[in-house]
Amino acid sequence: MASISVSGWLIDGVERANGGLRTAAQRSVLGEYFGAVSAVFSGVALLLLVITLLFQQRELHLQRQELALQREELIASRDELRRSAAADLRSLHVQLTQMQMADPVLAEVWNDWPGQSPTDVRQLLFANLTYGHFMLLHEWGSVTEEEVLAHARRLVRSRPFRHYWFLSREAKAALPPDSVEGRFFRLFDRAISETEAGGGSSS
């Protein structure tokens, strides 16, 4: 009973403070109206927040794609620079070899084949250039393994090239198996061994 009495007294006090029961009801309806408007604005704000997040996610995705493209371009540029540097070194090696082929005195500087005649030295130098040429073509993907094997089987029919292979094979066999030179040597050596085993070489 005391709780009922106190509750009634509080409700009566609220009605008097708000100008009576009718005024309090009107204010309550007005409050509910603004509450509904507030809910609408809250929904719109949430929708705008979701749209903003979607745009940010799309922008981040585009940025990641752009960074991936830039990374690919950097890798391609680095590979091209390495390839260009290798080509320059190869060109220099060819020039030095040509100088040795033209002048037997210069060939004595490297002394790769001591005791060989000047004619043999020139042939050995040219055979080495030929071998390096096919290795570079294979490394750059210009010739397939089958094509390399075909070239090797043809070259082994040449007496000067067989002489070159006999003198340089031991050094080439010591190359790391996982290196470009090592893999190419084993490919070339296989073709030569198969050809010689089949009696394909000629003097």
Protein backbone atom coordinates (compact mmCIF):
# COMPACT_ATOMS: atom_id res chain seq x y z
CA MET A 1 0.00 0.00 0.00
CA ALA A 2 2.85 2.36 0.80
CA SER A 3 4.45 1.66 -2.57
CA ILE A 4 1.17 2.33 -4.34
CA SER A 5 0.70 5.56 -2.43
CA VAL A 6 4.24 6.74 -3.18
CA SER A 7 3.90 5.80 -6.88
CA GLY A 8 0.62 7.68 -7.13
CA TRP A 9 2.19 10.72 -5.46
CA LEU A 10 5.14 10.66 -7.89
CA ILE A 11 2.90 10.27 -10.95
CA ASP A 12 0.70 13.13 -9.74
CA GLY A 13 3.77 15.27 -9.22
CA VAL A 14 5.01 14.55 -12.76
CA GLU A 15 1.61 15.43 -14.22
CA ARG A 16 1.48 18.74 -12.33
CA ALA A 17 5.05 19.57 -13.37
CA ASN A 18 4.16 18.99 -17.03
CA GLY A 19 0.93 20.97 -16.98
CA GLY A 20 -1.51 18.19 -16.37
CA LEU A 21 -2.24 14.74 -17.79
CA ARG A 22 -3.19 16.00 -21.29
CA THR A 23 -0.05 18.09 -21.66
CA ALA A 24 2.09 15.22 -20.42
CA ALA A 25 0.48 12.88 -22.99
CA GLN A 26 1.08 15.40 -25.79
CA ARG A 27 4.71 15.77 -24.76
CA SER A 28 5.03 12.00 -24.64
CA VAL A 29 3.70 11.73 -28.21
CA LEU A 30 6.11 14.48 -29.30
CA GLY A 31 8.97 12.63 -27.64
CA GLU A 32 7.99 9.43 -29.43
CA TYR A 33 7.96 11.37 -32.73
CA PHE A 34 11.44 12.71 -32.20
CA GLY A 35 12.51 9.25 -31.09
CA ALA A 36 11.34 7.84 -34.42
CA VAL A 37 13.14 10.64 -36.32
CA SER A 38 16.26 9.92 -34.31
CA ALA A 39 16.00 6.24 -35.24
CA VAL A 40 15.73 7.20 -38.93
CA PHE A 41 18.83 9.41 -38.70
CA SER A 42 20.67 6.64 -36.87
CA GLY A 43 19.81 4.22 -39.67
CA VAL A 44 20.95 6.70 -42.32
CA ALA A 45 24.19 7.28 -40.40
CA LEU A 46 24.78 3.54 -40.19
CA LEU A 47 24.11 3.18 -43.93
CA LEU A 48 26.56 6.00 -44.72
CA LEU A 49 29.14 4.34 -42.48
CA VAL A 50 28.72 1.03 -44.32
CA ILE A 51 29.02 2.79 -47.71
CA THR A 52 32.17 4.60 -46.53
CA LEU A 53 33.71 1.32 -45.38
CA LEU A 54 32.89 -0.29 -48.73
CA PHE A 55 34.56 2.58 -50.61
CA GLN A 56 37.60 2.36 -48.35
CA GLN A 57 37.81 -1.40 -48.91
CA ARG A 58 37.61 -0.91 -52.68
CA GLU A 59 40.30 1.78 -52.54
CA LEU A 60 42.58 -0.47 -50.49
CA HIS A 61 42.02 -3.26 -53.01
CA LEU A 62 42.99 -0.95 -55.88
CA GLN A 63 46.07 0.18 -53.97
CA ARG A 64 47.11 -3.43 -53.40
CA GLN A 65 46.68 -4.14 -57.12
CA GLU A 66 48.77 -1.09 -58.00
CA LEU A 67 51.51 -2.13 -55.57
CA ALA A 68 51.49 -5.65 -57.04
CA LEU A 69 51.88 -4.21 -60.56
CA GLN A 70 54.72 -1.98 -59.40
CA ARG A 71 56.42 -4.97 -57.78
CA GLU A 72 56.11 -6.96 -61.00
CA GLU A 73 57.55 -4.06 -62.99
CA LEU A 74 60.49 -3.79 -60.59
CA ILE A 75 61.16 -7.51 -60.89
CA ALA A 76 60.95 -7.32 -64.68
CA SER A 77 63.28 -4.31 -64.73
CA ARG A 78 65.76 -6.08 -62.45
CA ASP A 79 65.71 -9.19 -64.64
CA GLU A 80 66.17 -7.10 -67.76
CA LEU A 81 69.13 -5.27 -66.21
CA ARG A 82 70.70 -8.56 -65.20
CA ARG A 83 70.12 -9.93 -68.67
CA SER A 84 71.60 -6.82 -70.26
CA ALA A 85 74.65 -7.01 -67.99
CA ALA A 86 75.11 -10.68 -68.87
CA ALA A 87 74.89 -9.82 -72.57
CA ASP A 88 77.51 -7.10 -72.16
CA LEU A 89 79.84 -9.49 -70.37
CA ARG A 90 79.24 -12.10 -73.04
CA SER A 91 80.03 -9.55 -75.75
CA LEU A 92 83.27 -8.63 -74.00
CA HIS A 93 84.22 -12.29 -73.73
CA VAL A 94 83.57 -12.75 -77.44
CA GLN A 95 85.78 -9.77 -78.27
CA LEU A 96 88.62 -11.09 -76.11
CA THR A 97 88.31 -14.53 -77.69
CA GLN A 98 88.36 -13.04 -81.17
CA MET A 99 91.55 -11.18 -80.30
CA GLN A 100 93.13 -14.44 -79.16
CA MET A 101 92.00 -16.23 -82.30
CA ALA A 102 93.55 -13.49 -84.42
CA ASP A 103 96.84 -13.40 -82.50
CA PRO A 104 98.33 -16.64 -81.07
CA VAL A 105 100.58 -14.57 -78.82
CA LEU A 106 97.51 -13.26 -76.98
CA ALA A 107 96.13 -16.78 -76.66
CA GLU A 108 99.15 -17.64 -74.51
CA VAL A 109 97.96 -15.16 -71.87
CA TRP A 110 95.02 -17.28 -70.80
CA ASN A 111 96.99 -20.48 -71.41
CA ASP A 112 93.82 -22.59 -71.40
CA TRP A 113 95.31 -25.20 -73.73
CA PRO A 114 99.08 -25.35 -73.28
CA GLY A 115 101.04 -27.35 -75.82
CA GLN A 116 98.43 -26.99 -78.57
CA SER A 117 99.35 -25.66 -81.99
CA PRO A 118 98.12 -22.18 -83.00
CA THR A 119 95.60 -23.78 -85.37
CA ASP A 120 94.27 -26.05 -82.63
CA VAL A 121 94.08 -23.13 -80.19
CA ARG A 122 91.96 -21.11 -82.63
CA GLN A 123 89.66 -24.09 -83.15
CA LEU A 124 89.38 -24.68 -79.41
CA LEU A 125 88.57 -21.03 -78.79
CA PHE A 126 85.89 -21.10 -81.49
CA ALA A 127 84.45 -24.34 -80.10
CA ASN A 128 84.25 -22.68 -76.68
CA LEU A 129 82.42 -19.71 -78.20
CA THR A 130 80.00 -22.07 -79.92
CA TYR A 131 79.31 -23.94 -76.70
CA GLY A 132 78.77 -20.67 -74.80
CA HIS A 133 76.47 -19.42 -77.53
CA PHE A 134 74.12 -22.38 -77.23
CA MET A 135 74.24 -22.19 -73.44
CA LEU A 136 73.17 -18.53 -73.55
CA LEU A 137 70.37 -19.30 -76.00
CA HIS A 138 69.11 -22.07 -73.73
CA GLU A 139 69.34 -19.88 -70.63
CA TRP A 140 67.26 -17.17 -72.32
CA GLY A 141 64.70 -19.68 -73.54
CA SER A 142 65.49 -19.28 -77.24
CA VAL A 143 66.14 -23.01 -77.70
CA THR A 144 64.49 -25.98 -76.03
CA GLU A 145 66.26 -28.96 -74.50
CA GLU A 146 65.43 -31.03 -77.57
CA GLU A 147 67.05 -28.42 -79.77
CA VAL A 148 70.11 -28.36 -77.53
CA LEU A 149 70.38 -32.12 -77.81
CA ALA A 150 70.14 -31.88 -81.60
CA HIS A 151 72.92 -29.28 -81.72
CA ALA A 152 75.10 -31.38 -79.40
CA ARG A 153 74.66 -34.48 -81.54
CA ARG A 154 75.65 -32.49 -84.62
CA LEU A 155 78.67 -30.80 -83.00
CA VAL A 156 80.11 -34.05 -81.67
CA ARG A 157 80.59 -35.18 -85.26
CA SER A 158 83.25 -32.47 -85.58
CA ARG A 159 86.77 -33.62 -84.66
CA PRO A 160 87.82 -30.15 -83.34
CA PHE A 161 84.77 -29.98 -81.10
CA ARG A 162 85.34 -33.49 -79.76
CA HIS A 163 88.93 -32.41 -79.04
CA TYR A 164 87.62 -29.35 -77.21
CA TRP A 165 85.16 -31.46 -75.22
CA PHE A 166 87.88 -33.94 -74.24
CA LEU A 167 90.11 -31.12 -72.93
CA SER A 168 87.40 -29.13 -71.11
CA ARG A 169 84.99 -31.80 -69.91
CA GLU A 170 86.68 -32.35 -66.54
CA ALA A 171 86.45 -28.66 -65.64
CA LYS A 172 82.81 -28.48 -66.74
CA ALA A 173 81.93 -31.61 -64.77
CA ALA A 174 83.09 -29.87 -61.58
CA LEU A 175 80.45 -27.14 -61.97
CA PRO A 176 77.65 -27.10 -59.34
CA PRO A 177 74.81 -29.36 -60.56
CA ASP A 178 72.16 -26.76 -59.73
CA SER A 179 73.89 -23.91 -61.61
CA VAL A 180 72.90 -22.83 -65.13
CA GLU A 181 76.27 -23.93 -66.47
CA GLY A 182 76.12 -27.23 -64.59
CA ARG A 183 72.66 -28.13 -65.87
CA PHE A 184 73.57 -27.19 -69.43
CA PHE A 185 76.80 -29.23 -69.28
CA ARG A 186 74.94 -32.34 -68.16
CA LEU A 187 72.39 -31.89 -70.91
CA PHE A 188 75.09 -31.42 -73.53
CA ASP A 189 77.24 -34.21 -72.15
CA ARG A 190 74.32 -36.64 -72.23
CA ALA A 191 73.74 -35.99 -75.91
CA ILE A 192 77.42 -36.37 -76.72
CA SER A 193 77.72 -39.59 -74.70
CA GLU A 194 74.64 -41.06 -76.40
CA THR A 195 75.96 -40.12 -79.84
CA GLU A 196 79.41 -41.55 -79.20
CA ALA A 197 77.93 -44.72 -77.70
CA GLY A 198 75.86 -45.15 -80.86
CA GLY A 199 78.89 -44.67 -83.07
CA GLY A 200 77.62 -41.36 -84.40
CA SER A 201 80.96 -39.55 -84.23
CA SER A 202 83.32 -39.40 -87.14
CA SER A 203 86.97 -38.46 -87.40
